[in-house]
Amino acid sequence: MDPNQLAQIQTQLHALETHVEGHMRYLLTEAQRCPFGGNHDWDRVLTQYGQEHDPPLKRLEDAQRAGQSKGASLNEVRRAAEGLKKQASEELDRVAAPLPIGAAGMIGTAAGQLGPRISHLRARLSRVVDEVAAQHATNVCPPQNAVAASVNSVFANATSTAKLTPWANVKFDATRVYECRACGAPQQAELDFLCRYCRSPMN
């Protein structure tokens, strides 16, 4: 095989490897920037990878079902990654087409050295969809412990702010103190049956 043609194939393979990684980063960045329900920018990304976009309502439902806090729906991101994989695989087939059949077995020749590289790139492409989907899920779905912590903080906040009520820290003998029927505040002074807080009769 012509050495110039082999050199050209090597250059094309290197460019394809670089482009795949770049497209993965681009896809993840745009997916994370996408608001719930999508927008025109994300629609263009899907079109770029040969995919149709879902209706806004389905996008919202998918995002809520997945527990996302932001970003494009996981379903659309996976489809976009599948489109990227398909385009890159077709380009790889086109680049490798001039190589003689069995080039991978031609040990010691330039064509034979390209065989393992092509196989490695095919294996890389086989992982693209799962890698993009997993990374996007990590970017837009809060981990379970973060969700639990946020719920716990609500109860902790309620417990701490409960002490801020005007009568929360008042010391009194519960056996001989009235409580206001209107607001629940304790009686502040013996024989004073007018609530100091809401001015309602204590009995």
Protein backbone atom coordinates (compact mmCIF):
# COMPACT_ATOMS: atom_id res chain seq x y z
CA MET A 1 0.00 0.00 0.00
CA ASP A 2 1.22 3.51 -0.82
CA PRO A 3 3.11 5.04 2.16
CA ASN A 4 1.48 8.41 1.59
CA GLN A 5 -1.95 6.81 1.77
CA LEU A 6 -1.02 5.05 5.02
CA ALA A 7 0.25 8.30 6.48
CA GLN A 8 -3.02 9.98 5.50
CA ILE A 9 -5.00 7.21 7.21
CA GLN A 10 -2.92 7.61 10.37
CA THR A 11 -3.61 11.35 10.36
CA GLN A 12 -7.33 10.77 9.86
CA LEU A 13 -7.45 8.23 12.70
CA HIS A 14 -5.71 10.66 15.04
CA ALA A 15 -8.16 13.42 14.06
CA LEU A 16 -11.12 11.10 14.59
CA GLU A 17 -9.89 10.10 18.06
CA THR A 18 -9.49 13.75 19.00
CA HIS A 19 -12.88 14.72 17.57
CA VAL A 20 -14.71 11.97 19.47
CA GLU A 21 -13.32 13.18 22.80
CA GLY A 22 -14.10 16.79 21.87
CA HIS A 23 -17.65 15.94 20.85
CA MET A 24 -18.23 14.08 24.12
CA ARG A 25 -17.15 17.15 26.11
CA TYR A 26 -19.27 19.42 23.91
CA LEU A 27 -22.32 17.19 24.26
CA LEU A 28 -22.01 17.04 28.06
CA THR A 29 -21.53 20.80 28.36
CA GLU A 30 -24.58 21.62 26.24
CA ALA A 31 -26.69 18.98 27.99
CA GLN A 32 -25.84 20.42 31.40
CA ARG A 33 -26.60 23.98 30.25
CA CYS A 34 -29.98 22.97 28.83
CA PRO A 35 -32.96 24.13 30.95
CA PHE A 36 -35.87 21.85 31.86
CA GLY A 37 -38.14 21.55 28.84
CA GLY A 38 -35.25 22.20 26.45
CA ASN A 39 -34.46 25.19 24.24
CA HIS A 40 -33.38 25.96 20.68
CA ASP A 41 -29.68 25.50 21.46
CA TRP A 42 -30.25 21.96 22.72
CA ASP A 43 -32.56 21.23 19.77
CA ARG A 44 -29.69 22.16 17.44
CA VAL A 45 -27.36 19.79 19.31
CA LEU A 46 -29.80 16.93 18.83
CA THR A 47 -30.18 17.77 15.14
CA GLN A 48 -26.40 17.84 14.79
CA TYR A 49 -26.30 14.22 15.91
CA GLY A 50 -29.26 13.21 13.76
CA GLN A 51 -31.83 12.99 16.57
CA GLU A 52 -35.37 14.33 17.00
CA HIS A 53 -36.22 16.25 20.16
CA ASP A 54 -39.02 15.24 22.53
CA PRO A 55 -42.02 17.50 23.26
CA PRO A 56 -41.42 19.89 26.20
CA LEU A 57 -43.90 18.07 28.45
CA LYS A 58 -42.19 14.71 27.91
CA ARG A 59 -38.84 16.32 28.63
CA LEU A 60 -40.13 17.65 31.93
CA GLU A 61 -41.68 14.32 32.88
CA ASP A 62 -38.48 12.41 32.02
CA ALA A 63 -36.32 14.83 34.00
CA GLN A 64 -38.60 14.67 37.05
CA ARG A 65 -38.80 10.88 36.87
CA ALA A 66 -35.00 10.65 36.84
CA GLY A 67 -34.74 13.02 39.81
CA GLN A 68 -32.73 15.58 37.86
CA SER A 69 -31.97 18.98 39.37
CA LYS A 70 -31.14 20.55 35.99
CA GLY A 71 -30.07 19.78 32.43
CA ALA A 72 -31.40 17.96 29.39
CA SER A 73 -33.29 14.73 29.95
CA LEU A 74 -31.19 11.58 30.28
CA ASN A 75 -33.14 9.96 27.43
CA GLU A 76 -32.28 12.71 24.97
CA VAL A 77 -28.63 12.80 26.05
CA ARG A 78 -28.34 9.05 25.51
CA ARG A 79 -29.90 9.37 22.05
CA ALA A 80 -27.52 12.21 21.17
CA ALA A 81 -24.58 10.05 22.29
CA GLU A 82 -25.89 7.21 20.11
CA GLY A 83 -25.97 9.64 17.18
CA LEU A 84 -22.37 10.65 17.92
CA LYS A 85 -21.32 7.00 18.06
CA LYS A 86 -23.06 6.24 14.76
CA GLN A 87 -21.44 9.17 12.96
CA ALA A 88 -17.98 8.37 14.34
CA SER A 89 -18.33 4.67 13.48
CA GLU A 90 -19.31 5.52 9.90
CA GLU A 91 -16.32 7.85 9.64
CA LEU A 92 -14.03 5.13 11.00
CA ASP A 93 -15.35 2.68 8.41
CA ARG A 94 -14.66 5.22 5.67
CA VAL A 95 -11.11 5.88 6.89
CA ALA A 96 -10.29 2.17 7.26
CA ALA A 97 -11.86 1.13 3.95
CA PRO A 98 -8.66 1.52 1.82
CA LEU A 99 -6.71 -0.84 4.10
CA PRO A 100 -6.20 -4.34 2.69
CA ILE A 101 -8.30 -7.12 4.21
CA GLY A 102 -6.42 -8.68 7.10
CA ALA A 103 -4.24 -5.62 7.64
CA ALA A 104 -4.30 -6.26 11.37
CA GLY A 105 -2.45 -9.50 10.78
CA MET A 106 0.31 -7.97 8.69
CA ILE A 107 2.86 -7.83 11.49
CA GLY A 108 5.71 -5.41 10.97
CA THR A 109 4.07 -3.47 8.14
CA ALA A 110 2.57 0.02 8.37
CA ALA A 111 -0.85 -1.36 7.46
CA GLY A 112 -0.54 -4.03 10.12
CA GLN A 113 0.26 -1.42 12.78
CA LEU A 114 -2.96 0.40 11.99
CA GLY A 115 -5.08 -2.69 12.72
CA PRO A 116 -4.77 -2.56 16.55
CA ARG A 117 -5.32 1.19 16.52
CA ILE A 118 -8.56 0.79 14.57
CA SER A 119 -9.69 -2.01 16.90
CA HIS A 120 -8.92 0.17 19.92
CA LEU A 121 -10.95 3.04 18.45
CA ARG A 122 -13.89 0.74 17.74
CA ALA A 123 -13.79 -0.44 21.36
CA ARG A 124 -13.66 3.19 22.47
CA LEU A 125 -16.74 4.03 20.43
CA SER A 126 -18.62 1.08 21.94
CA ARG A 127 -18.34 2.78 25.37
CA VAL A 128 -19.26 6.32 24.30
CA VAL A 129 -23.01 6.12 24.96
CA ASP A 130 -22.74 4.65 28.44
CA GLU A 131 -19.92 7.02 29.43
CA VAL A 132 -21.80 10.14 28.29
CA ALA A 133 -25.05 9.02 29.95
CA ALA A 134 -23.30 8.17 33.23
CA GLN A 135 -21.37 11.45 33.32
CA HIS A 136 -24.50 13.48 32.56
CA ALA A 137 -26.41 11.69 35.32
CA THR A 138 -23.59 12.55 37.73
CA ASN A 139 -23.72 16.20 36.63
CA VAL A 140 -27.47 16.74 36.90
CA CYS A 141 -28.79 14.22 39.44
CA PRO A 142 -27.95 14.94 43.09
CA PRO A 143 -26.57 11.93 44.96
CA GLN A 144 -28.93 10.22 47.38
CA ASN A 145 -26.95 11.28 50.43
CA ALA A 146 -27.19 14.92 49.33
CA VAL A 147 -30.95 14.57 49.02
CA ALA A 148 -31.15 12.97 52.47
CA ALA A 149 -28.98 15.73 53.91
CA SER A 150 -31.21 18.42 52.44
CA VAL A 151 -34.29 16.79 54.00
CA ASN A 152 -32.54 16.41 57.34
CA SER A 153 -31.56 20.07 57.26
CA VAL A 154 -35.23 21.02 56.98
CA PHE A 155 -36.05 19.22 60.22
CA ALA A 156 -32.92 20.54 61.92
CA ASN A 157 -33.89 24.06 60.92
CA ALA A 158 -37.43 23.58 62.20
CA THR A 159 -36.09 22.32 65.53
CA SER A 160 -33.71 25.24 65.94
CA THR A 161 -36.14 27.96 64.90
CA ALA A 162 -38.87 26.54 67.14
CA LYS A 163 -36.89 27.99 70.04
CA LEU A 164 -37.39 31.48 68.66
CA THR A 165 -41.08 31.66 69.65
CA PRO A 166 -41.59 34.31 72.38
CA TRP A 167 -42.54 31.83 75.11
CA ALA A 168 -40.31 28.88 74.16
CA ASN A 169 -37.65 29.54 76.81
CA VAL A 170 -39.94 30.81 79.58
CA LYS A 171 -39.58 28.77 82.79
CA PHE A 172 -42.79 28.04 84.63
CA ASP A 173 -44.41 25.52 86.90
CA ALA A 174 -46.73 23.56 84.64
CA THR A 175 -48.87 22.43 87.56
CA ARG A 176 -50.27 25.90 88.18
CA VAL A 177 -49.95 27.86 84.90
CA TYR A 178 -52.66 28.55 82.38
CA GLU A 179 -52.15 28.42 78.63
CA CYS A 180 -53.79 30.89 76.27
CA ARG A 181 -56.58 29.21 74.31
CA ALA A 182 -55.94 31.55 71.36
CA CYS A 183 -52.16 31.24 70.82
CA GLY A 184 -50.97 28.64 73.37
CA ALA A 185 -48.63 30.99 75.23
CA PRO A 186 -48.14 30.31 78.98
CA GLN A 187 -49.44 32.65 81.64
CA GLN A 188 -46.71 35.17 82.49
CA ALA A 189 -47.88 36.36 85.89
CA GLU A 190 -50.10 34.82 88.52
CA LEU A 191 -53.65 36.21 88.61
CA ASP A 192 -53.04 37.90 85.23
CA PHE A 193 -55.56 36.26 82.93
CA LEU A 194 -54.94 38.45 79.86
CA CYS A 195 -52.44 36.94 77.38
CA ARG A 196 -49.28 39.08 77.14
CA TYR A 197 -48.78 38.03 73.48
CA CYS A 198 -52.12 38.07 71.71
CA ARG A 199 -54.09 40.01 74.36
CA SER A 200 -56.82 37.34 74.47
CA PRO A 201 -58.45 36.17 77.71
CA MET A 202 -56.62 33.18 79.18
CA ASN A 203 -59.90 31.42 80.12
